[in-house]
Amino acid sequence: MLFYSFFKSLIGKKIVVELKNDMSLGGTLDSVDQYLNMKLMDVAVTDPAKFPHMLAVKNIFIRGSVIRYVHLPAEEVDVELLQDASRRDAQQAKTQAKTQSSTKPQPQQRSAVPSTGGGANVVG
């Protein structure tokens, strides 16, 4: 949820999204969801000669799984706030893992009864 919250704070800012197919799109971040799917407005392709079919696109929805990088303006990133949030997130995850391991039921011990070899006993 840390990255989702971070990207929510960038709504309305200019960003560049580099996709896994080597296409880079610049635009204004309009929305983002928990899967990091993004909607960009006023889209411009950074290499129009390579992707001329994208020149007519002005608004685009980008699935989060196809994003390679998101380039952000340096002045929009509050590094100290991001570091504090990541520390809190890590501490919360550590605490949650600790409480889950202490409340997890312990596996039952097997009894030490000798085996008969696995076959049927025939009395005759």
PDB file of N, CA and C in Angstrom:
ATOM      1  N   MET A   1       0.817  -1.200   0.000  1.00  0.00           N
ATOM      2  CA  MET A   1       0.000   0.000   0.000  1.00  0.00           C
ATOM      3  C   MET A   1       0.858   1.260   0.000  1.00  0.00           C
ATOM      4  N   LEU A   2       2.147   1.098   0.293  1.00  0.00           N
ATOM      5  CA  LEU A   2       3.029   2.251   0.338  1.00  0.00           C
ATOM      6  C   LEU A   2       3.142   2.914  -1.031  1.00  0.00           C
ATOM      7  N   PHE A   3       3.367   2.115  -2.084  1.00  0.00           N
ATOM      8  CA  PHE A   3       3.506   2.696  -3.411  1.00  0.00           C
ATOM      9  C   PHE A   3       2.188   3.289  -3.893  1.00  0.00           C
ATOM     10  N   TYR A   4       1.098   2.636  -3.573  1.00  0.00           N
ATOM     11  CA  TYR A   4      -0.211   3.170  -3.953  1.00  0.00           C
ATOM     12  C   TYR A   4      -0.419   4.543  -3.333  1.00  0.00           C
ATOM     13  N   SER A   5      -0.142   4.679  -2.063  1.00  0.00           N
ATOM     14  CA  SER A   5      -0.287   5.972  -1.389  1.00  0.00           C
ATOM     15  C   SER A   5       0.657   7.008  -1.992  1.00  0.00           C
ATOM     16  N   PHE A   6       1.861   6.581  -2.311  1.00  0.00           N
ATOM     17  CA  PHE A   6       2.831   7.495  -2.907  1.00  0.00           C
ATOM     18  C   PHE A   6       2.344   8.003  -4.258  1.00  0.00           C
ATOM     19  N   PHE A   7       1.875   7.100  -5.117  1.00  0.00           N
ATOM     20  CA  PHE A   7       1.411   7.521  -6.432  1.00  0.00           C
ATOM     21  C   PHE A   7       0.129   8.349  -6.348  1.00  0.00           C
ATOM     22  N   LYS A   8      -0.703   8.085  -5.342  1.00  0.00           N
ATOM     23  CA  LYS A   8      -1.903   8.916  -5.150  1.00  0.00           C
ATOM     24  C   LYS A   8      -1.508  10.368  -4.894  1.00  0.00           C
ATOM     25  N   SER A   9      -0.378  10.574  -4.219  1.00  0.00           N
ATOM     26  CA  SER A   9       0.067  11.937  -3.934  1.00  0.00           C
ATOM     27  C   SER A   9       0.586  12.644  -5.188  1.00  0.00           C
ATOM     28  N   LEU A  10       0.830  11.900  -6.266  1.00  0.00           N
ATOM     29  CA  LEU A  10       1.340  12.485  -7.507  1.00  0.00           C
ATOM     30  C   LEU A  10       0.256  12.797  -8.528  1.00  0.00           C
ATOM     31  N   ILE A  11      -1.008  12.572  -8.171  1.00  0.00           N
ATOM     32  CA  ILE A  11      -2.093  12.865  -9.106  1.00  0.00           C
ATOM     33  C   ILE A  11      -2.070  14.351  -9.444  1.00  0.00           C
ATOM     34  N   GLY A  12      -2.164  14.624 -10.745  1.00  0.00           N
ATOM     35  CA  GLY A  12      -2.118  15.993 -11.238  1.00  0.00           C
ATOM     36  C   GLY A  12      -0.722  16.446 -11.634  1.00  0.00           C
ATOM     37  N   LYS A  13       0.289  15.602 -11.415  1.00  0.00           N
ATOM     38  CA  LYS A  13       1.677  15.936 -11.747  1.00  0.00           C
ATOM     39  C   LYS A  13       2.064  15.295 -13.072  1.00  0.00           C
ATOM     40  N   LYS A  14       3.051  15.894 -13.735  1.00  0.00           N
ATOM     41  CA  LYS A  14       3.583  15.355 -14.991  1.00  0.00           C
ATOM     42  C   LYS A  14       4.562  14.225 -14.674  1.00  0.00           C
ATOM     43  N   ILE A  15       4.363  13.068 -15.318  1.00  0.00           N
ATOM     44  CA  ILE A  15       5.253  11.924 -15.153  1.00  0.00           C
ATOM     45  C   ILE A  15       5.531  11.314 -16.522  1.00  0.00           C
ATOM     46  N   VAL A  16       6.537  10.459 -16.584  1.00  0.00           N
ATOM     47  CA  VAL A  16       6.842   9.678 -17.783  1.00  0.00           C
ATOM     48  C   VAL A  16       6.787   8.214 -17.387  1.00  0.00           C
ATOM     49  N   VAL A  17       6.016   7.433 -18.132  1.00  0.00           N
ATOM     50  CA  VAL A  17       5.864   6.004 -17.855  1.00  0.00           C
ATOM     51  C   VAL A  17       6.546   5.233 -18.973  1.00  0.00           C
ATOM     52  N   GLU A  18       7.506   4.406 -18.603  1.00  0.00           N
ATOM     53  CA  GLU A  18       8.193   3.551 -19.573  1.00  0.00           C
ATOM     54  C   GLU A  18       7.581   2.160 -19.476  1.00  0.00           C
ATOM     55  N   LEU A  19       7.126   1.658 -20.630  1.00  0.00           N
ATOM     56  CA  LEU A  19       6.457   0.363 -20.674  1.00  0.00           C
ATOM     57  C   LEU A  19       7.451  -0.744 -21.017  1.00  0.00           C
ATOM     58  N   LYS A  20       7.051  -1.978 -20.785  1.00  0.00           N
ATOM     59  CA  LYS A  20       7.913  -3.126 -21.047  1.00  0.00           C
ATOM     60  C   LYS A  20       8.191  -3.324 -22.534  1.00  0.00           C
ATOM     61  N   ASN A  21       7.376  -2.728 -23.415  1.00  0.00           N
ATOM     62  CA  ASN A  21       7.618  -2.833 -24.854  1.00  0.00           C
ATOM     63  C   ASN A  21       8.493  -1.687 -25.357  1.00  0.00           C
ATOM     64  N   ASP A  22       9.198  -1.000 -24.450  1.00  0.00           N
ATOM     65  CA  ASP A  22      10.133   0.099 -24.750  1.00  0.00           C
ATOM     66  C   ASP A  22       9.458   1.388 -25.191  1.00  0.00           C
ATOM     67  N   MET A  23       8.160   1.501 -25.047  1.00  0.00           N
ATOM     68  CA  MET A  23       7.466   2.740 -25.337  1.00  0.00           C
ATOM     69  C   MET A  23       7.476   3.605 -24.076  1.00  0.00           C
ATOM     70  N   SER A  24       7.712   4.893 -24.255  1.00  0.00           N
ATOM     71  CA  SER A  24       7.663   5.831 -23.136  1.00  0.00           C
ATOM     72  C   SER A  24       6.601   6.875 -23.416  1.00  0.00           C
ATOM     73  N   LEU A  25       5.733   7.081 -22.438  1.00  0.00           N
ATOM     74  CA  LEU A  25       4.638   8.032 -22.570  1.00  0.00           C
ATOM     75  C   LEU A  25       4.725   9.054 -21.457  1.00  0.00           C
ATOM     76  N   GLY A  26       4.649  10.306 -21.824  1.00  0.00           N
ATOM     77  CA  GLY A  26       4.621  11.365 -20.831  1.00  0.00           C
ATOM     78  C   GLY A  26       3.218  11.921 -20.741  1.00  0.00           C
ATOM     79  N   GLY A  27       2.830  12.361 -19.566  1.00  0.00           N
ATOM     80  CA  GLY A  27       1.509  12.933 -19.402  1.00  0.00           C
ATOM     81  C   GLY A  27       1.242  13.285 -17.954  1.00  0.00           C
ATOM     82  N   THR A  28       0.022  13.748 -17.708  1.00  0.00           N
ATOM     83  CA  THR A  28      -0.398  14.118 -16.365  1.00  0.00           C
ATOM     84  C   THR A  28      -1.108  12.932 -15.740  1.00  0.00           C
ATOM     85  N   LEU A  29      -0.660  12.531 -14.562  1.00  0.00           N
ATOM     86  CA  LEU A  29      -1.281  11.406 -13.860  1.00  0.00           C
ATOM     87  C   LEU A  29      -2.675  11.812 -13.411  1.00  0.00           C
ATOM     88  N   ASP A  30      -3.683  11.110 -13.924  1.00  0.00           N
ATOM     89  CA  ASP A  30      -5.074  11.423 -13.601  1.00  0.00           C
ATOM     90  C   ASP A  30      -5.603  10.535 -12.485  1.00  0.00           C
ATOM     91  N   SER A  31      -5.226   9.246 -12.504  1.00  0.00           N
ATOM     92  CA  SER A  31      -5.681   8.347 -11.444  1.00  0.00           C
ATOM     93  C   SER A  31      -4.763   7.139 -11.379  1.00  0.00           C
ATOM     94  N   VAL A  32      -4.816   6.469 -10.228  1.00  0.00           N
ATOM     95  CA  VAL A  32      -4.045   5.253  -9.991  1.00  0.00           C
ATOM     96  C   VAL A  32      -4.857   4.382  -9.041  1.00  0.00           C
ATOM     97  N   ASP A  33      -4.737   3.059  -9.183  1.00  0.00           N
ATOM     98  CA  ASP A  33      -5.458   2.173  -8.266  1.00  0.00           C
ATOM     99  C   ASP A  33      -4.472   1.271  -7.528  1.00  0.00           C
ATOM    100  N   GLN A  34      -4.991   0.354  -6.716  1.00  0.00           N
ATOM    101  CA  GLN A  34      -4.149  -0.466  -5.853  1.00  0.00           C
ATOM    102  C   GLN A  34      -3.262  -1.433  -6.639  1.00  0.00           C
ATOM    103  N   TYR A  35      -3.572  -1.689  -7.906  1.00  0.00           N
ATOM    104  CA  TYR A  35      -2.744  -2.541  -8.753  1.00  0.00           C
ATOM    105  C   TYR A  35      -1.714  -1.714  -9.531  1.00  0.00           C
ATOM    106  N   LEU A  36      -1.663  -0.430  -9.242  1.00  0.00           N
ATOM    107  CA  LEU A  36      -0.814   0.554  -9.908  1.00  0.00           C
ATOM    108  C   LEU A  36      -1.142   0.696 -11.388  1.00  0.00           C
ATOM    109  N   ASN A  37      -2.408   0.416 -11.749  1.00  0.00           N
ATOM    110  CA  ASN A  37      -2.904   0.800 -13.064  1.00  0.00           C
ATOM    111  C   ASN A  37      -2.987   2.314 -13.059  1.00  0.00           C
ATOM    112  N   MET A  38      -2.639   2.948 -14.166  1.00  0.00           N
ATOM    113  CA  MET A  38      -2.600   4.405 -14.210  1.00  0.00           C
ATOM    114  C   MET A  38      -3.374   4.939 -15.401  1.00  0.00           C
ATOM    115  N   LYS A  39      -3.955   6.099 -15.212  1.00  0.00           N
ATOM    116  CA  LYS A  39      -4.611   6.810 -16.303  1.00  0.00           C
ATOM    117  C   LYS A  39      -3.857   8.118 -16.488  1.00  0.00           C
ATOM    118  N   LEU A  40      -3.381   8.350 -17.728  1.00  0.00           N
ATOM    119  CA  LEU A  40      -2.668   9.574 -18.047  1.00  0.00           C
ATOM    120  C   LEU A  40      -3.510  10.441 -18.968  1.00  0.00           C
ATOM    121  N   MET A  41      -3.442  11.739 -18.748  1.00  0.00           N
ATOM    122  CA  MET A  41      -4.117  12.730 -19.596  1.00  0.00           C
ATOM    123  C   MET A  41      -3.042  13.522 -20.334  1.00  0.00           C
ATOM    124  N   ASP A  42      -3.407  14.129 -21.461  1.00  0.00           N
ATOM    125  CA  ASP A  42      -2.485  14.935 -22.274  1.00  0.00           C
ATOM    126  C   ASP A  42      -1.216  14.147 -22.590  1.00  0.00           C
ATOM    127  N   VAL A  43      -1.408  12.968 -23.156  1.00  0.00           N
ATOM    128  CA  VAL A  43      -0.313  12.041 -23.419  1.00  0.00           C
ATOM    129  C   VAL A  43       0.524  12.504 -24.604  1.00  0.00           C
ATOM    130  N   ALA A  44       1.827  12.357 -24.458  1.00  0.00           N
ATOM    131  CA  ALA A  44       2.774  12.595 -25.550  1.00  0.00           C
ATOM    132  C   ALA A  44       3.776  11.453 -25.558  1.00  0.00           C
ATOM    133  N   VAL A  45       4.056  10.916 -26.748  1.00  0.00           N
ATOM    134  CA  VAL A  45       5.029   9.841 -26.895  1.00  0.00           C
ATOM    135  C   VAL A  45       6.420  10.474 -26.939  1.00  0.00           C
ATOM    136  N   THR A  46       7.368   9.900 -26.201  1.00  0.00           N
ATOM    137  CA  THR A  46       8.704  10.490 -26.167  1.00  0.00           C
ATOM    138  C   THR A  46       9.503  10.188 -27.435  1.00  0.00           C
ATOM    139  N   ASP A  47       9.126   9.150 -28.187  1.00  0.00           N
ATOM    140  CA  ASP A  47       9.788   8.821 -29.455  1.00  0.00           C
ATOM    141  C   ASP A  47       8.723   8.668 -30.541  1.00  0.00           C
ATOM    142  N   PRO A  48       8.210   9.795 -31.081  1.00  0.00           N
ATOM    143  CA  PRO A  48       7.121   9.708 -32.062  1.00  0.00           C
ATOM    144  C   PRO A  48       7.517   9.038 -33.379  1.00  0.00           C
ATOM    145  N   ALA A  49       8.799   9.061 -33.739  1.00  0.00           N
ATOM    146  CA  ALA A  49       9.219   8.405 -34.975  1.00  0.00           C
ATOM    147  C   ALA A  49       9.083   6.893 -34.872  1.00  0.00           C
ATOM    148  N   LYS A  50       9.309   6.353 -33.683  1.00  0.00           N
ATOM    149  CA  LYS A  50       9.219   4.915 -33.469  1.00  0.00           C
ATOM    150  C   LYS A  50       7.780   4.446 -33.281  1.00  0.00           C
ATOM    151  N   PHE A  51       6.931   5.310 -32.719  1.00  0.00           N
ATOM    152  CA  PHE A  51       5.529   4.962 -32.452  1.00  0.00           C
ATOM    153  C   PHE A  51       4.589   6.024 -33.030  1.00  0.00           C
ATOM    154  N   PRO A  52       4.533   6.166 -34.356  1.00  0.00           N
ATOM    155  CA  PRO A  52       3.688   7.229 -34.946  1.00  0.00           C
ATOM    156  C   PRO A  52       2.190   7.006 -34.727  1.00  0.00           C
ATOM    157  N   HIS A  53       1.771   5.765 -34.517  1.00  0.00           N
ATOM    158  CA  HIS A  53       0.361   5.457 -34.299  1.00  0.00           C
ATOM    159  C   HIS A  53      -0.145   6.004 -32.960  1.00  0.00           C
ATOM    160  N   MET A  54       0.763   6.392 -32.069  1.00  0.00           N
ATOM    161  CA  MET A  54       0.375   6.906 -30.755  1.00  0.00           C
ATOM    162  C   MET A  54       0.219   8.426 -30.738  1.00  0.00           C
ATOM    163  N   LEU A  55       0.481   9.095 -31.844  1.00  0.00           N
ATOM    164  CA  LEU A  55       0.405  10.556 -31.875  1.00  0.00           C
ATOM    165  C   LEU A  55      -1.011  11.076 -31.652  1.00  0.00           C
ATOM    166  N   ALA A  56      -2.009  10.310 -32.044  1.00  0.00           N
ATOM    167  CA  ALA A  56      -3.397  10.751 -31.902  1.00  0.00           C
ATOM    168  C   ALA A  56      -3.965  10.493 -30.509  1.00  0.00           C
ATOM    169  N   VAL A  57      -3.263   9.727 -29.697  1.00  0.00           N
ATOM    170  CA  VAL A  57      -3.759   9.370 -28.368  1.00  0.00           C
ATOM    171  C   VAL A  57      -3.540  10.536 -27.414  1.00  0.00           C
ATOM    172  N   LYS A  58      -4.599  10.944 -26.721  1.00  0.00           N
ATOM    173  CA  LYS A  58      -4.496  12.038 -25.748  1.00  0.00           C
ATOM    174  C   LYS A  58      -4.712  11.569 -24.312  1.00  0.00           C
ATOM    175  N   ASN A  59      -5.503  10.532 -24.113  1.00  0.00           N
ATOM    176  CA  ASN A  59      -5.754   9.953 -22.790  1.00  0.00           C
ATOM    177  C   ASN A  59      -5.520   8.452 -22.901  1.00  0.00           C
ATOM    178  N   ILE A  60      -4.916   7.873 -21.872  1.00  0.00           N
ATOM    179  CA  ILE A  60      -4.608   6.453 -21.954  1.00  0.00           C
ATOM    180  C   ILE A  60      -4.698   5.805 -20.577  1.00  0.00           C
ATOM    181  N   PHE A  61      -5.164   4.570 -20.562  1.00  0.00           N
ATOM    182  CA  PHE A  61      -5.176   3.741 -19.358  1.00  0.00           C
ATOM    183  C   PHE A  61      -4.049   2.729 -19.519  1.00  0.00           C
ATOM    184  N   ILE A  62      -3.176   2.647 -18.511  1.00  0.00           N
ATOM    185  CA  ILE A  62      -2.034   1.738 -18.578  1.00  0.00           C
ATOM    186  C   ILE A  62      -2.158   0.709 -17.463  1.00  0.00           C
ATOM    187  N   ARG A  63      -2.149  -0.539 -17.841  1.00  0.00           N
ATOM    188  CA  ARG A  63      -2.205  -1.621 -16.856  1.00  0.00           C
ATOM    189  C   ARG A  63      -0.883  -1.669 -16.088  1.00  0.00           C
ATOM    190  N   GLY A  64      -0.960  -1.810 -14.781  1.00  0.00           N
ATOM    191  CA  GLY A  64       0.222  -1.781 -13.935  1.00  0.00           C
ATOM    192  C   GLY A  64       1.246  -2.849 -14.261  1.00  0.00           C
ATOM    193  N   SER A  65       0.811  -4.002 -14.753  1.00  0.00           N
ATOM    194  CA  SER A  65       1.734  -5.103 -15.022  1.00  0.00           C
ATOM    195  C   SER A  65       2.603  -4.867 -16.251  1.00  0.00           C
ATOM    196  N   VAL A  66       2.294  -3.872 -17.087  1.00  0.00           N
ATOM    197  CA  VAL A  66       3.103  -3.603 -18.277  1.00  0.00           C
ATOM    198  C   VAL A  66       4.052  -2.422 -18.069  1.00  0.00           C
ATOM    199  N   ILE A  67       4.050  -1.856 -16.870  1.00  0.00           N
ATOM    200  CA  ILE A  67       4.918  -0.713 -16.586  1.00  0.00           C
ATOM    201  C   ILE A  67       6.285  -1.211 -16.135  1.00  0.00           C
ATOM    202  N   ARG A  68       7.335  -0.688 -16.780  1.00  0.00           N
ATOM    203  CA  ARG A  68       8.705  -1.005 -16.382  1.00  0.00           C
ATOM    204  C   ARG A  68       9.211   0.025 -15.379  1.00  0.00           C
ATOM    205  N   TYR A  69       9.121   1.301 -15.724  1.00  0.00           N
ATOM    206  CA  TYR A  69       9.584   2.381 -14.856  1.00  0.00           C
ATOM    207  C   TYR A  69       8.591   3.529 -14.880  1.00  0.00           C
ATOM    208  N   VAL A  70       8.597   4.288 -13.806  1.00  0.00           N
ATOM    209  CA  VAL A  70       7.868   5.548 -13.773  1.00  0.00           C
ATOM    210  C   VAL A  70       8.900   6.614 -13.412  1.00  0.00           C
ATOM    211  N   HIS A  71       9.104   7.547 -14.336  1.00  0.00           N
ATOM    212  CA  HIS A  71      10.048   8.637 -14.112  1.00  0.00           C
ATOM    213  C   HIS A  71       9.284   9.799 -13.493  1.00  0.00           C
ATOM    214  N   LEU A  72       9.776  10.263 -12.357  1.00  0.00           N
ATOM    215  CA  LEU A  72       9.089  11.302 -11.603  1.00  0.00           C
ATOM    216  C   LEU A  72       9.926  12.570 -11.585  1.00  0.00           C
ATOM    217  N   PRO A  73       9.271  13.714 -11.516  1.00  0.00           N
ATOM    218  CA  PRO A  73      10.032  14.954 -11.347  1.00  0.00           C
ATOM    219  C   PRO A  73      10.640  14.989  -9.947  1.00  0.00           C
ATOM    220  N   ALA A  74      11.915  15.296  -9.860  1.00  0.00           N
ATOM    221  CA  ALA A  74      12.643  15.257  -8.583  1.00  0.00           C
ATOM    222  C   ALA A  74      12.036  16.183  -7.549  1.00  0.00           C
ATOM    223  N   GLU A  75      11.526  17.325  -7.980  1.00  0.00           N
ATOM    224  CA  GLU A  75      10.979  18.286  -7.013  1.00  0.00           C
ATOM    225  C   GLU A  75       9.648  17.832  -6.410  1.00  0.00           C
ATOM    226  N   GLU A  76       9.025  16.817  -6.974  1.00  0.00           N
ATOM    227  CA  GLU A  76       7.744  16.331  -6.461  1.00  0.00           C
ATOM    228  C   GLU A  76       7.895  15.207  -5.447  1.00  0.00           C
ATOM    229  N   VAL A  77       9.101  14.676  -5.301  1.00  0.00           N
ATOM    230  CA  VAL A  77       9.317  13.529  -4.419  1.00  0.00           C
ATOM    231  C   VAL A  77       9.884  14.018  -3.094  1.00  0.00           C
ATOM    232  N   ASP A  78       9.141  13.773  -2.011  1.00  0.00           N
ATOM    233  CA  ASP A  78       9.600  14.093  -0.667  1.00  0.00           C
ATOM    234  C   ASP A  78      10.300  12.842  -0.118  1.00  0.00           C
ATOM    235  N   VAL A  79      11.622  12.808  -0.261  1.00  0.00           N
ATOM    236  CA  VAL A  79      12.399  11.620   0.075  1.00  0.00           C
ATOM    237  C   VAL A  79      12.277  11.275   1.559  1.00  0.00           C
ATOM    238  N   GLU A  80      12.324  12.271   2.428  1.00  0.00           N
ATOM    239  CA  GLU A  80      12.241  12.001   3.867  1.00  0.00           C
ATOM    240  C   GLU A  80      10.898  11.386   4.238  1.00  0.00           C
ATOM    241  N   LEU A  81       9.832  11.919   3.690  1.00  0.00           N
ATOM    242  CA  LEU A  81       8.503  11.371   3.964  1.00  0.00           C
ATOM    243  C   LEU A  81       8.394   9.936   3.452  1.00  0.00           C
ATOM    244  N   LEU A  82       8.947   9.663   2.280  1.00  0.00           N
ATOM    245  CA  LEU A  82       8.919   8.320   1.709  1.00  0.00           C
ATOM    246  C   LEU A  82       9.738   7.344   2.549  1.00  0.00           C
ATOM    247  N   GLN A  83      10.893   7.774   3.049  1.00  0.00           N
ATOM    248  CA  GLN A  83      11.706   6.911   3.901  1.00  0.00           C
ATOM    249  C   GLN A  83      11.000   6.614   5.217  1.00  0.00           C
ATOM    250  N   ASP A  84      10.385   7.623   5.821  1.00  0.00           N
ATOM    251  CA  ASP A  84       9.650   7.407   7.063  1.00  0.00           C
ATOM    252  C   ASP A  84       8.492   6.434   6.859  1.00  0.00           C
ATOM    253  N   ALA A  85       7.773   6.610   5.761  1.00  0.00           N
ATOM    254  CA  ALA A  85       6.641   5.729   5.478  1.00  0.00           C
ATOM    255  C   ALA A  85       7.107   4.299   5.243  1.00  0.00           C
ATOM    256  N   SER A  86       8.232   4.112   4.563  1.00  0.00           N
ATOM    257  CA  SER A  86       8.720   2.758   4.319  1.00  0.00           C
ATOM    258  C   SER A  86       9.207   2.106   5.614  1.00  0.00           C
ATOM    259  N   ARG A  87       9.793   2.899   6.515  1.00  0.00           N
ATOM    260  CA  ARG A  87      10.194   2.350   7.821  1.00  0.00           C
ATOM    261  C   ARG A  87       8.971   1.912   8.628  1.00  0.00           C
ATOM    262  N   ARG A  88       7.940   2.744   8.639  1.00  0.00           N
ATOM    263  CA  ARG A  88       6.707   2.391   9.357  1.00  0.00           C
ATOM    264  C   ARG A  88       6.075   1.145   8.757  1.00  0.00           C
ATOM    265  N   ASP A  89       6.066   1.053   7.437  1.00  0.00           N
ATOM    266  CA  ASP A  89       5.485  -0.100   6.752  1.00  0.00           C
ATOM    267  C   ASP A  89       6.260  -1.372   7.096  1.00  0.00           C
ATOM    268  N   ALA A  90       7.588  -1.293   7.108  1.00  0.00           N
ATOM    269  CA  ALA A  90       8.408  -2.455   7.444  1.00  0.00           C
ATOM    270  C   ALA A  90       8.208  -2.867   8.895  1.00  0.00           C
ATOM    271  N   GLN A  91       8.124  -1.899   9.787  1.00  0.00           N
ATOM    272  CA  GLN A  91       7.910  -2.203  11.204  1.00  0.00           C
ATOM    273  C   GLN A  91       6.542  -2.838  11.426  1.00  0.00           C
ATOM    274  N   GLN A  92       5.542  -2.322  10.727  1.00  0.00           N
ATOM    275  CA  GLN A  92       4.190  -2.866  10.844  1.00  0.00           C
ATOM    276  C   GLN A  92       4.158  -4.306  10.323  1.00  0.00           C
ATOM    277  N   ALA A  93       4.835  -4.578   9.215  1.00  0.00           N
ATOM    278  CA  ALA A  93       4.874  -5.933   8.661  1.00  0.00           C
ATOM    279  C   ALA A  93       5.599  -6.886   9.617  1.00  0.00           C
ATOM    280  N   LYS A  94       6.666  -6.406  10.240  1.00  0.00           N
ATOM    281  CA  LYS A  94       7.416  -7.227  11.193  1.00  0.00           C
ATOM    282  C   LYS A  94       6.557  -7.563  12.406  1.00  0.00           C
ATOM    283  N   THR A  95       5.840  -6.569  12.932  1.00  0.00           N
ATOM    284  CA  THR A  95       4.967  -6.777  14.080  1.00  0.00           C
ATOM    285  C   THR A  95       3.833  -7.737  13.730  1.00  0.00           C
ATOM    286  N   GLN A  96       3.273  -7.562  12.540  1.00  0.00           N
ATOM    287  CA  GLN A  96       2.175  -8.428  12.115  1.00  0.00           C
ATOM    288  C   GLN A  96       2.652  -9.866  11.952  1.00  0.00           C
ATOM    289  N   ALA A  97       3.830 -10.074  11.406  1.00  0.00           N
ATOM    290  CA  ALA A  97       4.367 -11.431  11.242  1.00  0.00           C
ATOM    291  C   ALA A  97       4.634 -12.073  12.592  1.00  0.00           C
ATOM    292  N   LYS A  98       5.094 -11.275  13.535  1.00  0.00           N
ATOM    293  CA  LYS A  98       5.384 -11.789  14.877  1.00  0.00           C
ATOM    294  C   LYS A  98       4.104 -12.244  15.575  1.00  0.00           C
ATOM    295  N   THR A  99       3.024 -11.452  15.474  1.00  0.00           N
ATOM    296  CA  THR A  99       1.770 -11.822  16.128  1.00  0.00           C
ATOM    297  C   THR A  99       1.128 -13.016  15.434  1.00  0.00           C
ATOM    298  N   GLN A 100       1.296 -13.133  14.119  1.00  0.00           N
ATOM    299  CA  GLN A 100       0.729 -14.286  13.421  1.00  0.00           C
ATOM    300  C   GLN A 100       1.458 -15.566  13.793  1.00  0.00           C
ATOM    301  N   SER A 101       2.775 -15.493  13.968  1.00  0.00           N
ATOM    302  CA  SER A 101       3.516 -16.703  14.313  1.00  0.00           C
ATOM    303  C   SER A 101       3.231 -17.152  15.749  1.00  0.00           C
ATOM    304  N   SER A 102       2.923 -16.207  16.637  1.00  0.00           N
ATOM    305  CA  SER A 102       2.636 -16.593  18.021  1.00  0.00           C
ATOM    306  C   SER A 102       1.215 -17.120  18.192  1.00  0.00           C
ATOM    307  N   THR A 103       0.303 -16.756  17.305  1.00  0.00           N
ATOM    308  CA  THR A 103      -1.076 -17.240  17.404  1.00  0.00           C
ATOM    309  C   THR A 103      -1.330 -18.447  16.524  1.00  0.00           C
ATOM    310  N   LYS A 104      -0.339 -18.846  15.726  1.00  0.00           N
ATOM    311  CA  LYS A 104      -0.489 -19.995  14.837  1.00  0.00           C
ATOM    312  C   LYS A 104      -0.502 -21.272  15.673  1.00  0.00           C
ATOM    313  N   PRO A 105      -1.461 -22.199  15.437  1.00  0.00           N
ATOM    314  CA  PRO A 105      -1.480 -23.448  16.216  1.00  0.00           C
ATOM    315  C   PRO A 105      -0.246 -24.281  15.909  1.00  0.00           C
ATOM    316  N   GLN A 106       0.314 -24.889  16.949  1.00  0.00           N
ATOM    317  CA  GLN A 106       1.504 -25.710  16.811  1.00  0.00           C
ATOM    318  C   GLN A 106       1.105 -27.075  16.249  1.00  0.00           C
ATOM    319  N   PRO A 107       1.935 -27.663  15.369  1.00  0.00           N
ATOM    320  CA  PRO A 107       1.610 -28.990  14.826  1.00  0.00           C
ATOM    321  C   PRO A 107       1.669 -30.037  15.933  1.00  0.00           C
ATOM    322  N   GLN A 108       0.771 -31.011  15.844  1.00  0.00           N
ATOM    323  CA  GLN A 108       0.709 -32.047  16.869  1.00  0.00           C
ATOM    324  C   GLN A 108       1.868 -33.012  16.689  1.00  0.00           C
ATOM    325  N   GLN A 109       2.353 -33.512  17.818  1.00  0.00           N
ATOM    326  CA  GLN A 109       3.459 -34.459  17.806  1.00  0.00           C
ATOM    327  C   GLN A 109       2.924 -35.847  17.486  1.00  0.00           C
ATOM    328  N   ARG A 110       3.682 -36.588  16.704  1.00  0.00           N
ATOM    329  CA  ARG A 110       3.300 -37.978  16.419  1.00  0.00           C
ATOM    330  C   ARG A 110       3.729 -38.869  17.578  1.00  0.00           C
ATOM    331  N   SER A 111       2.966 -39.899  17.824  1.00  0.00           N
ATOM    332  CA  SER A 111       3.338 -40.819  18.900  1.00  0.00           C
ATOM    333  C   SER A 111       4.439 -41.753  18.405  1.00  0.00           C
ATOM    334  N   ALA A 112       5.214 -42.241  19.318  1.00  0.00           N
ATOM    335  CA  ALA A 112       6.348 -43.102  18.980  1.00  0.00           C
ATOM    336  C   ALA A 112       5.936 -44.564  19.011  1.00  0.00           C
ATOM    337  N   VAL A 113       4.938 -44.962  18.257  1.00  0.00           N
ATOM    338  CA  VAL A 113       4.487 -46.350  18.193  1.00  0.00           C
ATOM    339  C   VAL A 113       5.248 -47.017  17.056  1.00  0.00           C
ATOM    340  N   PRO A 114       5.898 -48.156  17.338  1.00  0.00           N
ATOM    341  CA  PRO A 114       6.683 -48.810  16.287  1.00  0.00           C
ATOM    342  C   PRO A 114       5.782 -49.318  15.165  1.00  0.00           C
ATOM    343  N   SER A 115       6.319 -49.302  13.986  1.00  0.00           N
ATOM    344  CA  SER A 115       5.576 -49.737  12.812  1.00  0.00           C
ATOM    345  C   SER A 115       5.658 -51.254  12.691  1.00  0.00           C
ATOM    346  N   THR A 116       4.656 -51.873  12.082  1.00  0.00           N
ATOM    347  CA  THR A 116       4.641 -53.326  11.893  1.00  0.00           C
ATOM    348  C   THR A 116       5.151 -53.699  10.526  1.00  0.00           C
ATOM    349  N   GLY A 117       5.745 -52.764   9.816  1.00  0.00           N
ATOM    350  CA  GLY A 117       6.288 -53.094   8.506  1.00  0.00           C
ATOM    351  C   GLY A 117       5.343 -52.724   7.380  1.00  0.00           C
ATOM    352  N   GLY A 118       4.167 -52.277   7.693  1.00  0.00           N
ATOM    353  CA  GLY A 118       3.256 -51.808   6.670  1.00  0.00           C
ATOM    354  C   GLY A 118       2.389 -52.890   6.049  1.00  0.00           C
ATOM    355  N   GLY A 119       2.714 -54.168   6.236  1.00  0.00           N
ATOM    356  CA  GLY A 119       1.931 -55.238   5.637  1.00  0.00           C
ATOM    357  C   GLY A 119       0.851 -55.725   6.581  1.00  0.00           C
ATOM    358  N   ALA A 120      -0.020 -56.580   6.063  1.00  0.00           N
ATOM    359  CA  ALA A 120      -1.081 -57.150   6.911  1.00  0.00           C
ATOM    360  C   ALA A 120      -0.514 -58.306   7.711  1.00  0.00           C
ATOM    361  N   ASN A 121      -0.946 -58.426   8.935  1.00  0.00           N
ATOM    362  CA  ASN A 121      -0.510 -59.539   9.795  1.00  0.00           C
ATOM    363  C   ASN A 121      -1.446 -60.732   9.573  1.00  0.00           C
ATOM    364  N   VAL A 122      -0.850 -61.837   9.219  1.00  0.00           N
ATOM    365  CA  VAL A 122      -1.634 -63.040   8.977  1.00  0.00           C
ATOM    366  C   VAL A 122      -1.284 -64.026  10.085  1.00  0.00           C
ATOM    367  N   VAL A 123      -2.331 -64.475  10.776  1.00  0.00           N
ATOM    368  CA  VAL A 123      -2.128 -65.441  11.860  1.00  0.00           C
ATOM    369  C   VAL A 123      -2.628 -66.785  11.337  1.00  0.00           C
ATOM    370  N   GLY A 124      -1.834 -67.770  11.402  1.00  0.00           N
ATOM    371  CA  GLY A 124      -2.308 -68.998  10.849  1.00  0.00           C
ATOM    372  C   GLY A 124      -1.931 -70.241  11.500  1.00  0.00           C
TER     373      GLY A 124
END
